[in-house]
Amino acid sequence: MRSGAALLAIGDYDTAASEARGVLAADRFNLDAQLILASALSGVRRFADAEERLQAAIATAPQDPRVYKALSTVQLRRGNAKAAEASLIQTIKLDPAATDARVSLAQLYLQMGRAADGEKQLRDALAIAPDDLEANKTYASYLVSTNDCADAEKYWQTVAAKSPDDSGYLSLADYYVWSGRPDDALRVLSKVAAKDQGGAARVRVASILYDRGERSKAAEMVDEVLTHDQSSLNGLLLKARISLDNGDAAAARDYTHRAAEVDPDAPAVREMLAHVNAQP
């Protein structure tokens, strides 16, 4: 069981499935093994098999909320939003304190355009677990999307404090830039710049400096980052912007296309692609 769970966590789905089947050969009603096997099947896109496994698990453990939560994940991956909604509601009915299910249901509602329902689930999750990382992150993002700038800050601060790495501080800095508070962003970035292995914080600092008119310093900083990490998405996009401002559309297109190779679906990449492609 421990081996199967560890293999599942690192994405070795085939071996995880083999371990789970080994457990089920000895104990065919072992619910944890059934959940691992279903997750492994889902990981290799055998969604119908995974859902069939979970439906069988429900028959043996109809009051266990974990089965319905796992089922909702498979249903979401299959694109069956209504079925996933029903499974998440059942999860919460069986375990009202299941904040992960409430956050998943909130995210589903927000994607469906049911903002009021989504916000209610997020508020309920935060009432149960005020420090829950995913609940704070999702609610903060929702508030930003609705331009509720003032209320979002405390949730981004919790994200920064509770994140296991520096990503939370980077998100908080991005929030401060978005809300027109670059000095606060620089203050936050200074906390992580010293251990900024991938250059994510330094690129953000460079962008702020560039906006302030310190363009030579900003260009030098982002060039240094790209020397060590040629796949820095924000670094490539900043170089594209600098190139455009310098009248070098060809270089801007090159940097943007390199950014698209890193993450073609990023909204900032698509926006910059449209911009550079419109240049003469």
Foldseek 3Di string as FASTA:
>chain_A
DVVLVVCVVVLVLVVSLVVLVVVCVVPVLPLVSLLSNLSSCVSVPVLVVSLVSLVVNCVVVVLALVSLQSNLVSCVVVVNLVSSLVSLVSSCVSPVQPLVSLQVNLVSCVVVVNNVSSVVSLVSNCVSPVLDQSSLVSVLVVCVVVVVLPVSQVSLVSNCVPDPDRVSLLVNLVSCVVVPNNVVSVVSLVVCVVVCVQCSSQLVVLVSCVVVVVPVVSLVSLVVNCVVPVQPLSSLQVVLVVCVVVVNLVSSQVSLVSSCVNPVPDPSSVVSNVVSVPDD
